[in-house]
Amino acid sequence: MKVFVMSLSRCLFFIGLTLPLTPAFAHEYWIAPHAYQVAPGAAIQADFRNGQEFEGVSLAYFSNSSARYEAFFDNHVAKITPRLGDSPAFQMNAPDGEGLLSVIYETTASTVTYKEWEKFLAFAKHKDFPQAEQQHIDEGWRQENFKETYTRHTKALIAVGGGKGADAARGMETEFVALTNPYTDDLSSGMKVALSYQNQPRANAQVEVFDRAPDETVSITLHRTDAEGIATIPVTAGHEYLFDGVVLRKAEKDARDPAAPVWETLWAALTFKVPE
């Protein structure tokens, strides 16, 4: 029997190339800090995670799947120096001062193939796009073995010291902006966030909220933005949160290529943890 040994770096490289192309990975994608509150100057680490119900695999950093990767502190860009294959994917030392660190990561496009029409319909229903079925039919697209392309637009909020400061729009194509600072503000009336698409408010859009309690149980609730694209979500001290918002739109399809993706999804995510 032959035994093949693969180095860790080559194994990670192989995983990084193959996983984003599989249908199982067309689920939530988020930045998962190992600690959401750190001391000034302390090491910060965070995983890029992909999965369902706030549980997923950790992905290493690869430049070929990265479209944008930045951190902001006190409205200034904080230096990140990622290396190919880094795991955890986010590693940096916190700034010396106190404030709110905002980490953003956007991916390049990946593609998923829907072999079954029912799976696409279930996805469209779950993400609140009831018009997708009729639009698909009206376009004359086939109902099996059709493709969707997708990108991720993620943000995590980390408190350095007391964490005083404010989140801001960072120019992602779709994005959550925290209007409440979860580390310093009064959360008795909830966590207020704005959801945008192409720098415009997403009115009456679905926000899926994943709430992880200290005992690791996860609850999932659905909420909606108002006419100004703002949602106010009840939150609990000591709980970790993932907010998820999806845009489903017609892909820019090359009519000469019958195998080109017909749909495109853009996934916005925001993670933070309410102090105990």
C-alpha atoms as a PDB file:
ATOM      1  CA  MET A   1       0.000   0.000   0.000  1.00  0.00           C
ATOM      2  CA  LYS A   2       1.391   3.383  -0.978  1.00  0.00           C
ATOM      3  CA  VAL A   3       1.262   6.213   1.534  1.00  0.00           C
ATOM      4  CA  PHE A   4       1.258   9.802   0.314  1.00  0.00           C
ATOM      5  CA  VAL A   5       2.354  12.573   2.646  1.00  0.00           C
ATOM      6  CA  MET A   6       1.345  16.162   1.915  1.00  0.00           C
ATOM      7  CA  SER A   7       2.899  19.103   3.732  1.00  0.00           C
ATOM      8  CA  LEU A   8       0.594  21.361   5.741  1.00  0.00           C
ATOM      9  CA  SER A   9       1.179  24.302   3.433  1.00  0.00           C
ATOM     10  CA  ARG A  10       0.360  22.263   0.336  1.00  0.00           C
ATOM     11  CA  CYS A  11      -2.706  20.798   2.051  1.00  0.00           C
ATOM     12  CA  LEU A  12      -3.954  24.274   2.951  1.00  0.00           C
ATOM     13  CA  PHE A  13      -3.281  25.444  -0.588  1.00  0.00           C
ATOM     14  CA  PHE A  14      -5.298  22.557  -2.001  1.00  0.00           C
ATOM     15  CA  ILE A  15      -8.164  23.255   0.380  1.00  0.00           C
ATOM     16  CA  GLY A  16      -8.113  26.947  -0.459  1.00  0.00           C
ATOM     17  CA  LEU A  17      -8.423  26.180  -4.173  1.00  0.00           C
ATOM     18  CA  THR A  18     -11.136  23.562  -3.971  1.00  0.00           C
ATOM     19  CA  LEU A  19     -13.510  24.402  -1.142  1.00  0.00           C
ATOM     20  CA  PRO A  20     -14.972  27.673  -2.466  1.00  0.00           C
ATOM     21  CA  LEU A  21     -16.087  25.893  -5.650  1.00  0.00           C
ATOM     22  CA  THR A  22     -18.331  23.319  -3.982  1.00  0.00           C
ATOM     23  CA  PRO A  23     -22.085  23.808  -3.476  1.00  0.00           C
ATOM     24  CA  ALA A  24     -21.807  23.148   0.263  1.00  0.00           C
ATOM     25  CA  PHE A  25     -19.895  26.388   0.605  1.00  0.00           C
ATOM     26  CA  ALA A  26     -22.682  28.617  -0.706  1.00  0.00           C
ATOM     27  CA  HIS A  27     -23.649  29.408   2.893  1.00  0.00           C
ATOM     28  CA  GLU A  28     -22.839  32.092   5.452  1.00  0.00           C
ATOM     29  CA  TYR A  29     -19.302  33.423   5.552  1.00  0.00           C
ATOM     30  CA  TRP A  30     -18.023  35.511   8.438  1.00  0.00           C
ATOM     31  CA  ILE A  31     -15.025  36.806  10.372  1.00  0.00           C
ATOM     32  CA  ALA A  32     -14.760  35.074  13.756  1.00  0.00           C
ATOM     33  CA  PRO A  33     -12.378  36.840  16.168  1.00  0.00           C
ATOM     34  CA  HIS A  34     -10.862  34.610  18.853  1.00  0.00           C
ATOM     35  CA  ALA A  35     -11.532  37.504  21.258  1.00  0.00           C
ATOM     36  CA  TYR A  36     -13.810  40.465  20.628  1.00  0.00           C
ATOM     37  CA  GLN A  37     -12.234  42.604  23.362  1.00  0.00           C
ATOM     38  CA  VAL A  38      -8.455  42.955  23.531  1.00  0.00           C
ATOM     39  CA  ALA A  39      -5.939  45.155  25.302  1.00  0.00           C
ATOM     40  CA  PRO A  40      -4.041  47.845  23.374  1.00  0.00           C
ATOM     41  CA  GLY A  41      -1.006  46.328  21.678  1.00  0.00           C
ATOM     42  CA  ALA A  42      -2.237  42.743  22.191  1.00  0.00           C
ATOM     43  CA  ALA A  43      -2.201  40.112  19.455  1.00  0.00           C
ATOM     44  CA  ILE A  44      -5.513  39.740  17.605  1.00  0.00           C
ATOM     45  CA  GLN A  45      -6.493  36.621  15.701  1.00  0.00           C
ATOM     46  CA  ALA A  46      -9.642  35.813  13.753  1.00  0.00           C
ATOM     47  CA  ASP A  47     -10.780  32.991  11.495  1.00  0.00           C
ATOM     48  CA  PHE A  48     -12.590  33.270   8.205  1.00  0.00           C
ATOM     49  CA  ARG A  49     -15.465  30.842   8.610  1.00  0.00           C
ATOM     50  CA  ASN A  50     -17.894  29.329   6.139  1.00  0.00           C
ATOM     51  CA  GLY A  51     -20.878  27.226   7.138  1.00  0.00           C
ATOM     52  CA  GLN A  52     -24.419  27.196   8.426  1.00  0.00           C
ATOM     53  CA  GLU A  53     -26.179  28.133  11.656  1.00  0.00           C
ATOM     54  CA  PHE A  54     -23.072  29.942  12.959  1.00  0.00           C
ATOM     55  CA  GLU A  55     -20.997  26.769  12.720  1.00  0.00           C
ATOM     56  CA  GLY A  56     -18.437  26.274   9.995  1.00  0.00           C
ATOM     57  CA  VAL A  57     -14.951  25.424   8.892  1.00  0.00           C
ATOM     58  CA  SER A  58     -12.012  27.777   9.245  1.00  0.00           C
ATOM     59  CA  LEU A  59     -10.431  28.890   5.976  1.00  0.00           C
ATOM     60  CA  ALA A  60      -6.846  30.009   5.529  1.00  0.00           C
ATOM     61  CA  TYR A  61      -5.929  33.257   3.793  1.00  0.00           C
ATOM     62  CA  PHE A  62      -5.234  33.066   0.070  1.00  0.00           C
ATOM     63  CA  SER A  63      -4.630  36.089  -2.103  1.00  0.00           C
ATOM     64  CA  ASN A  64      -6.392  34.550  -5.114  1.00  0.00           C
ATOM     65  CA  SER A  65      -9.701  34.555  -3.221  1.00  0.00           C
ATOM     66  CA  SER A  66      -9.200  38.002  -1.666  1.00  0.00           C
ATOM     67  CA  ALA A  67     -10.591  41.107  -3.341  1.00  0.00           C
ATOM     68  CA  ARG A  68     -10.161  43.508  -0.405  1.00  0.00           C
ATOM     69  CA  TYR A  69      -8.736  43.086   3.075  1.00  0.00           C
ATOM     70  CA  GLU A  70      -8.429  46.039   5.461  1.00  0.00           C
ATOM     71  CA  ALA A  71      -8.777  47.109   9.071  1.00  0.00           C
ATOM     72  CA  PHE A  72      -9.840  50.522  10.295  1.00  0.00           C
ATOM     73  CA  PHE A  73      -9.091  52.063  13.664  1.00  0.00           C
ATOM     74  CA  ASP A  74     -10.223  55.553  14.631  1.00  0.00           C
ATOM     75  CA  ASN A  75     -11.084  56.018  10.920  1.00  0.00           C
ATOM     76  CA  HIS A  76      -7.493  55.319   9.901  1.00  0.00           C
ATOM     77  CA  VAL A  77      -6.354  52.250   8.000  1.00  0.00           C
ATOM     78  CA  ALA A  78      -4.561  49.805  10.289  1.00  0.00           C
ATOM     79  CA  LYS A  79      -1.761  47.785   8.754  1.00  0.00           C
ATOM     80  CA  ILE A  80      -2.421  44.122   7.931  1.00  0.00           C
ATOM     81  CA  THR A  81       0.364  41.975   6.461  1.00  0.00           C
ATOM     82  CA  PRO A  82      -1.271  38.632   5.557  1.00  0.00           C
ATOM     83  CA  ARG A  83       0.812  35.778   4.203  1.00  0.00           C
ATOM     84  CA  LEU A  84      -0.288  33.039   1.863  1.00  0.00           C
ATOM     85  CA  GLY A  85      -1.815  30.185   3.866  1.00  0.00           C
ATOM     86  CA  ASP A  86      -2.171  32.137   7.132  1.00  0.00           C
ATOM     87  CA  SER A  87      -4.419  30.316   9.582  1.00  0.00           C
ATOM     88  CA  PRO A  88      -5.949  32.063  11.455  1.00  0.00           C
ATOM     89  CA  ALA A  89      -6.546  34.193   8.374  1.00  0.00           C
ATOM     90  CA  PHE A  90      -6.475  37.461  10.336  1.00  0.00           C
ATOM     91  CA  GLN A  91      -3.472  38.223  12.503  1.00  0.00           C
ATOM     92  CA  MET A  92      -2.261  41.603  13.717  1.00  0.00           C
ATOM     93  CA  ASN A  93      -1.260  43.466  16.843  1.00  0.00           C
ATOM     94  CA  ALA A  94      -3.869  45.830  18.196  1.00  0.00           C
ATOM     95  CA  PRO A  95      -3.074  49.540  18.006  1.00  0.00           C
ATOM     96  CA  ASP A  96      -1.585  51.077  21.129  1.00  0.00           C
ATOM     97  CA  GLY A  97      -4.547  53.346  21.782  1.00  0.00           C
ATOM     98  CA  GLU A  98      -8.106  52.463  22.713  1.00  0.00           C
ATOM     99  CA  GLY A  99     -10.908  52.402  20.178  1.00  0.00           C
ATOM    100  CA  LEU A 100     -13.093  50.384  17.836  1.00  0.00           C
ATOM    101  CA  LEU A 101     -11.333  48.181  15.280  1.00  0.00           C
ATOM    102  CA  SER A 102     -13.333  47.337  12.167  1.00  0.00           C
ATOM    103  CA  VAL A 103     -12.013  44.473  10.025  1.00  0.00           C
ATOM    104  CA  ILE A 104     -13.408  44.062   6.510  1.00  0.00           C
ATOM    105  CA  TYR A 105     -12.819  41.287   4.008  1.00  0.00           C
ATOM    106  CA  GLU A 106     -14.283  40.870   0.535  1.00  0.00           C
ATOM    107  CA  THR A 107     -13.788  37.794  -1.617  1.00  0.00           C
ATOM    108  CA  THR A 108     -13.384  37.304  -5.308  1.00  0.00           C
ATOM    109  CA  ALA A 109     -16.259  35.571  -7.082  1.00  0.00           C
ATOM    110  CA  SER A 110     -16.876  31.847  -6.712  1.00  0.00           C
ATOM    111  CA  THR A 111     -19.410  29.722  -8.573  1.00  0.00           C
ATOM    112  CA  VAL A 112     -21.969  27.154  -7.475  1.00  0.00           C
ATOM    113  CA  THR A 113     -24.020  24.864  -9.734  1.00  0.00           C
ATOM    114  CA  TYR A 114     -27.644  24.092  -8.932  1.00  0.00           C
ATOM    115  CA  LYS A 115     -28.304  20.602 -10.193  1.00  0.00           C
ATOM    116  CA  GLU A 116     -31.855  20.629  -8.865  1.00  0.00           C
ATOM    117  CA  TRP A 117     -34.452  23.352  -9.392  1.00  0.00           C
ATOM    118  CA  GLU A 118     -36.005  22.731  -5.972  1.00  0.00           C
ATOM    119  CA  LYS A 119     -32.766  23.575  -4.170  1.00  0.00           C
ATOM    120  CA  PHE A 120     -32.582  26.959  -5.843  1.00  0.00           C
ATOM    121  CA  LEU A 121     -36.225  27.654  -5.027  1.00  0.00           C
ATOM    122  CA  ALA A 122     -35.605  26.735  -1.389  1.00  0.00           C
ATOM    123  CA  PHE A 123     -32.592  29.047  -1.281  1.00  0.00           C
ATOM    124  CA  ALA A 124     -34.491  31.939  -2.890  1.00  0.00           C
ATOM    125  CA  LYS A 125     -37.375  31.467  -0.446  1.00  0.00           C
ATOM    126  CA  HIS A 126     -35.047  31.294   2.572  1.00  0.00           C
ATOM    127  CA  LYS A 127     -33.244  34.481   1.554  1.00  0.00           C
ATOM    128  CA  ASP A 128     -36.540  36.256   0.819  1.00  0.00           C
ATOM    129  CA  PHE A 129     -36.542  36.538  -2.964  1.00  0.00           C
ATOM    130  CA  PRO A 130     -39.981  35.160  -3.902  1.00  0.00           C
ATOM    131  CA  GLN A 131     -39.842  36.813  -7.328  1.00  0.00           C
ATOM    132  CA  ALA A 132     -36.781  34.772  -8.360  1.00  0.00           C
ATOM    133  CA  GLU A 133     -38.784  31.763  -9.549  1.00  0.00           C
ATOM    134  CA  GLN A 134     -40.883  33.726 -12.021  1.00  0.00           C
ATOM    135  CA  GLN A 135     -37.942  35.817 -13.158  1.00  0.00           C
ATOM    136  CA  HIS A 136     -35.940  32.670 -13.853  1.00  0.00           C
ATOM    137  CA  ILE A 137     -38.811  31.239 -15.889  1.00  0.00           C
ATOM    138  CA  ASP A 138     -39.390  34.502 -17.766  1.00  0.00           C
ATOM    139  CA  GLU A 139     -35.712  34.635 -18.728  1.00  0.00           C
ATOM    140  CA  GLY A 140     -36.017  31.194 -20.262  1.00  0.00           C
ATOM    141  CA  TRP A 141     -33.145  29.773 -18.214  1.00  0.00           C
ATOM    142  CA  ARG A 142     -32.882  26.031 -17.734  1.00  0.00           C
ATOM    143  CA  GLN A 143     -34.039  24.637 -14.421  1.00  0.00           C
ATOM    144  CA  GLU A 144     -31.227  22.190 -13.765  1.00  0.00           C
ATOM    145  CA  ASN A 145     -27.441  22.421 -13.897  1.00  0.00           C
ATOM    146  CA  PHE A 146     -27.458  26.230 -13.934  1.00  0.00           C
ATOM    147  CA  LYS A 147     -24.885  28.369 -12.183  1.00  0.00           C
ATOM    148  CA  GLU A 148     -24.737  31.170  -9.653  1.00  0.00           C
ATOM    149  CA  THR A 149     -21.725  33.323  -8.862  1.00  0.00           C
ATOM    150  CA  TYR A 150     -21.305  34.776  -5.384  1.00  0.00           C
ATOM    151  CA  THR A 151     -19.105  37.154  -3.388  1.00  0.00           C
ATOM    152  CA  ARG A 152     -18.694  37.850   0.340  1.00  0.00           C
ATOM    153  CA  HIS A 153     -18.633  41.278   2.003  1.00  0.00           C
ATOM    154  CA  THR A 154     -17.787  40.793   5.665  1.00  0.00           C
ATOM    155  CA  LYS A 155     -17.060  42.953   8.675  1.00  0.00           C
ATOM    156  CA  ALA A 156     -16.136  42.295  12.307  1.00  0.00           C
ATOM    157  CA  LEU A 157     -16.102  44.774  15.187  1.00  0.00           C
ATOM    158  CA  ILE A 158     -13.415  44.367  17.853  1.00  0.00           C
ATOM    159  CA  ALA A 159     -12.991  46.531  20.945  1.00  0.00           C
ATOM    160  CA  VAL A 160      -9.443  47.632  21.734  1.00  0.00           C
ATOM    161  CA  GLY A 161      -9.413  48.642  25.362  1.00  0.00           C
ATOM    162  CA  GLY A 162     -12.781  50.234  26.069  1.00  0.00           C
ATOM    163  CA  GLY A 163     -13.687  50.111  22.381  1.00  0.00           C
ATOM    164  CA  LYS A 164     -14.952  53.676  22.171  1.00  0.00           C
ATOM    165  CA  GLY A 165     -15.642  54.815  18.621  1.00  0.00           C
ATOM    166  CA  ALA A 166     -18.029  54.427  15.707  1.00  0.00           C
ATOM    167  CA  ASP A 167     -18.337  52.143  12.723  1.00  0.00           C
ATOM    168  CA  ALA A 168     -18.644  53.711   9.267  1.00  0.00           C
ATOM    169  CA  ALA A 169     -19.451  52.747   5.695  1.00  0.00           C
ATOM    170  CA  ARG A 170     -16.332  51.353   4.024  1.00  0.00           C
ATOM    171  CA  GLY A 171     -17.500  51.262   0.420  1.00  0.00           C
ATOM    172  CA  MET A 172     -18.323  47.570   0.089  1.00  0.00           C
ATOM    173  CA  GLU A 173     -20.923  46.806  -2.582  1.00  0.00           C
ATOM    174  CA  THR A 174     -23.257  45.542   0.109  1.00  0.00           C
ATOM    175  CA  GLU A 175     -22.499  46.278   3.743  1.00  0.00           C
ATOM    176  CA  PHE A 176     -23.706  46.418   7.308  1.00  0.00           C
ATOM    177  CA  VAL A 177     -22.831  49.565   9.232  1.00  0.00           C
ATOM    178  CA  ALA A 178     -23.237  49.442  13.000  1.00  0.00           C
ATOM    179  CA  LEU A 179     -25.108  52.545  14.122  1.00  0.00           C
ATOM    180  CA  THR A 180     -24.763  51.365  17.716  1.00  0.00           C
ATOM    181  CA  ASN A 181     -21.385  50.569  19.258  1.00  0.00           C
ATOM    182  CA  PRO A 182     -21.986  47.181  20.942  1.00  0.00           C
ATOM    183  CA  TYR A 183     -19.093  47.714  23.369  1.00  0.00           C
ATOM    184  CA  THR A 184     -19.944  51.167  24.722  1.00  0.00           C
ATOM    185  CA  ASP A 185     -23.543  52.112  23.925  1.00  0.00           C
ATOM    186  CA  ASP A 186     -26.784  51.375  25.725  1.00  0.00           C
ATOM    187  CA  LEU A 187     -28.231  48.250  24.105  1.00  0.00           C
ATOM    188  CA  SER A 188     -31.452  48.102  26.084  1.00  0.00           C
ATOM    189  CA  SER A 189     -33.337  49.200  22.966  1.00  0.00           C
ATOM    190  CA  GLY A 190     -31.380  46.878  20.692  1.00  0.00           C
ATOM    191  CA  MET A 191     -28.474  46.961  18.254  1.00  0.00           C
ATOM    192  CA  LYS A 192     -29.148  49.337  15.368  1.00  0.00           C
ATOM    193  CA  VAL A 193     -27.557  48.626  11.980  1.00  0.00           C
ATOM    194  CA  ALA A 194     -27.882  50.011   8.464  1.00  0.00           C
ATOM    195  CA  LEU A 195     -27.815  47.681   5.462  1.00  0.00           C
ATOM    196  CA  SER A 196     -26.779  49.091   2.078  1.00  0.00           C
ATOM    197  CA  TYR A 197     -26.372  47.957  -1.512  1.00  0.00           C
ATOM    198  CA  GLN A 198     -24.311  50.018  -3.950  1.00  0.00           C
ATOM    199  CA  ASN A 199     -24.160  52.793  -1.334  1.00  0.00           C
ATOM    200  CA  GLN A 200     -27.955  53.004  -1.136  1.00  0.00           C
ATOM    201  CA  PRO A 201     -30.144  51.885   1.800  1.00  0.00           C
ATOM    202  CA  ARG A 202     -31.754  48.451   1.409  1.00  0.00           C
ATOM    203  CA  ALA A 203     -35.323  49.154   2.456  1.00  0.00           C
ATOM    204  CA  ASN A 204     -37.549  46.285   3.633  1.00  0.00           C
ATOM    205  CA  ALA A 205     -34.679  43.796   3.339  1.00  0.00           C
ATOM    206  CA  GLN A 206     -34.363  40.602   5.342  1.00  0.00           C
ATOM    207  CA  VAL A 207     -31.680  40.410   8.027  1.00  0.00           C
ATOM    208  CA  GLU A 208     -30.959  36.937   9.353  1.00  0.00           C
ATOM    209  CA  VAL A 209     -29.547  37.004  12.875  1.00  0.00           C
ATOM    210  CA  PHE A 210     -27.486  34.195  14.393  1.00  0.00           C
ATOM    211  CA  ASP A 211     -27.193  34.492  18.185  1.00  0.00           C
ATOM    212  CA  ARG A 212     -24.680  32.319  20.045  1.00  0.00           C
ATOM    213  CA  ALA A 213     -25.231  32.074  23.808  1.00  0.00           C
ATOM    214  CA  PRO A 214     -22.426  31.394  26.326  1.00  0.00           C
ATOM    215  CA  ASP A 215     -23.441  27.710  26.396  1.00  0.00           C
ATOM    216  CA  GLU A 216     -22.754  27.575  22.596  1.00  0.00           C
ATOM    217  CA  THR A 217     -26.409  27.152  21.624  1.00  0.00           C
ATOM    218  CA  VAL A 218     -27.368  29.155  18.544  1.00  0.00           C
ATOM    219  CA  SER A 219     -30.752  30.712  17.877  1.00  0.00           C
ATOM    220  CA  ILE A 220     -31.765  32.159  14.495  1.00  0.00           C
ATOM    221  CA  THR A 221     -34.292  34.934  13.927  1.00  0.00           C
ATOM    222  CA  LEU A 222     -35.411  36.960  10.920  1.00  0.00           C
ATOM    223  CA  HIS A 223     -35.781  40.732  10.932  1.00  0.00           C
ATOM    224  CA  ARG A 224     -36.415  43.473   8.370  1.00  0.00           C
ATOM    225  CA  THR A 225     -34.968  46.867   7.642  1.00  0.00           C
ATOM    226  CA  ASP A 226     -37.247  49.895   7.567  1.00  0.00           C
ATOM    227  CA  ALA A 227     -37.706  52.380   4.737  1.00  0.00           C
ATOM    228  CA  GLU A 228     -34.277  53.865   5.490  1.00  0.00           C
ATOM    229  CA  GLY A 229     -32.545  50.486   5.442  1.00  0.00           C
ATOM    230  CA  ILE A 230     -32.170  50.381   9.230  1.00  0.00           C
ATOM    231  CA  ALA A 231     -32.912  47.415  11.486  1.00  0.00           C
ATOM    232  CA  THR A 232     -32.958  47.356  15.276  1.00  0.00           C
ATOM    233  CA  ILE A 233     -32.134  43.906  16.643  1.00  0.00           C
ATOM    234  CA  PRO A 234     -32.610  42.806  20.268  1.00  0.00           C
ATOM    235  CA  VAL A 235     -29.315  41.579  21.731  1.00  0.00           C
ATOM    236  CA  THR A 236     -28.216  39.985  24.995  1.00  0.00           C
ATOM    237  CA  ALA A 237     -25.129  40.552  27.159  1.00  0.00           C
ATOM    238  CA  GLY A 238     -22.464  37.873  26.723  1.00  0.00           C
ATOM    239  CA  HIS A 239     -23.814  36.703  23.337  1.00  0.00           C
ATOM    240  CA  GLU A 240     -21.964  36.598  20.015  1.00  0.00           C
ATOM    241  CA  TYR A 241     -23.794  37.705  16.864  1.00  0.00           C
ATOM    242  CA  LEU A 242     -23.671  37.222  13.119  1.00  0.00           C
ATOM    243  CA  PHE A 243     -25.922  39.432  10.999  1.00  0.00           C
ATOM    244  CA  ASP A 244     -26.440  38.192   7.448  1.00  0.00           C
ATOM    245  CA  GLY A 245     -28.011  39.982   4.474  1.00  0.00           C
ATOM    246  CA  VAL A 246     -28.097  38.666   0.891  1.00  0.00           C
ATOM    247  CA  VAL A 247     -28.630  40.371  -2.461  1.00  0.00           C
ATOM    248  CA  LEU A 248     -29.814  38.118  -5.289  1.00  0.00           C
ATOM    249  CA  ARG A 249     -29.579  39.630  -8.759  1.00  0.00           C
ATOM    250  CA  LYS A 250     -29.322  38.654 -12.403  1.00  0.00           C
ATOM    251  CA  ALA A 251     -25.729  37.946 -13.371  1.00  0.00           C
ATOM    252  CA  GLU A 252     -24.037  39.849 -16.154  1.00  0.00           C
ATOM    253  CA  LYS A 253     -24.329  36.899 -18.478  1.00  0.00           C
ATOM    254  CA  ASP A 254     -22.440  36.464 -21.726  1.00  0.00           C
ATOM    255  CA  ALA A 255     -25.235  35.468 -24.125  1.00  0.00           C
ATOM    256  CA  ARG A 256     -22.693  33.559 -26.221  1.00  0.00           C
ATOM    257  CA  ASP A 257     -21.877  31.237 -23.310  1.00  0.00           C
ATOM    258  CA  PRO A 258     -24.803  28.959 -22.377  1.00  0.00           C
ATOM    259  CA  ALA A 259     -22.862  27.675 -19.363  1.00  0.00           C
ATOM    260  CA  ALA A 260     -22.270  31.125 -17.824  1.00  0.00           C
ATOM    261  CA  PRO A 261     -23.829  31.878 -14.403  1.00  0.00           C
ATOM    262  CA  VAL A 262     -27.344  33.310 -14.601  1.00  0.00           C
ATOM    263  CA  TRP A 263     -27.663  34.481 -10.984  1.00  0.00           C
ATOM    264  CA  GLU A 264     -25.344  36.415  -8.679  1.00  0.00           C
ATOM    265  CA  THR A 265     -25.504  36.705  -4.896  1.00  0.00           C
ATOM    266  CA  LEU A 266     -23.737  39.211  -2.671  1.00  0.00           C
ATOM    267  CA  TRP A 267     -23.529  38.271   1.003  1.00  0.00           C
ATOM    268  CA  ALA A 268     -23.092  40.941   3.680  1.00  0.00           C
ATOM    269  CA  ALA A 269     -22.049  39.848   7.171  1.00  0.00           C
ATOM    270  CA  LEU A 270     -21.343  41.584  10.462  1.00  0.00           C
ATOM    271  CA  THR A 271     -19.975  39.937  13.609  1.00  0.00           C
ATOM    272  CA  PHE A 272     -19.585  41.305  17.134  1.00  0.00           C
ATOM    273  CA  LYS A 273     -20.071  40.225  20.730  1.00  0.00           C
ATOM    274  CA  VAL A 274     -21.978  42.059  23.438  1.00  0.00           C
ATOM    275  CA  PRO A 275     -19.919  42.383  26.644  1.00  0.00           C
ATOM    276  CA  GLU A 276     -21.180  40.569  29.716  1.00  0.00           C
END
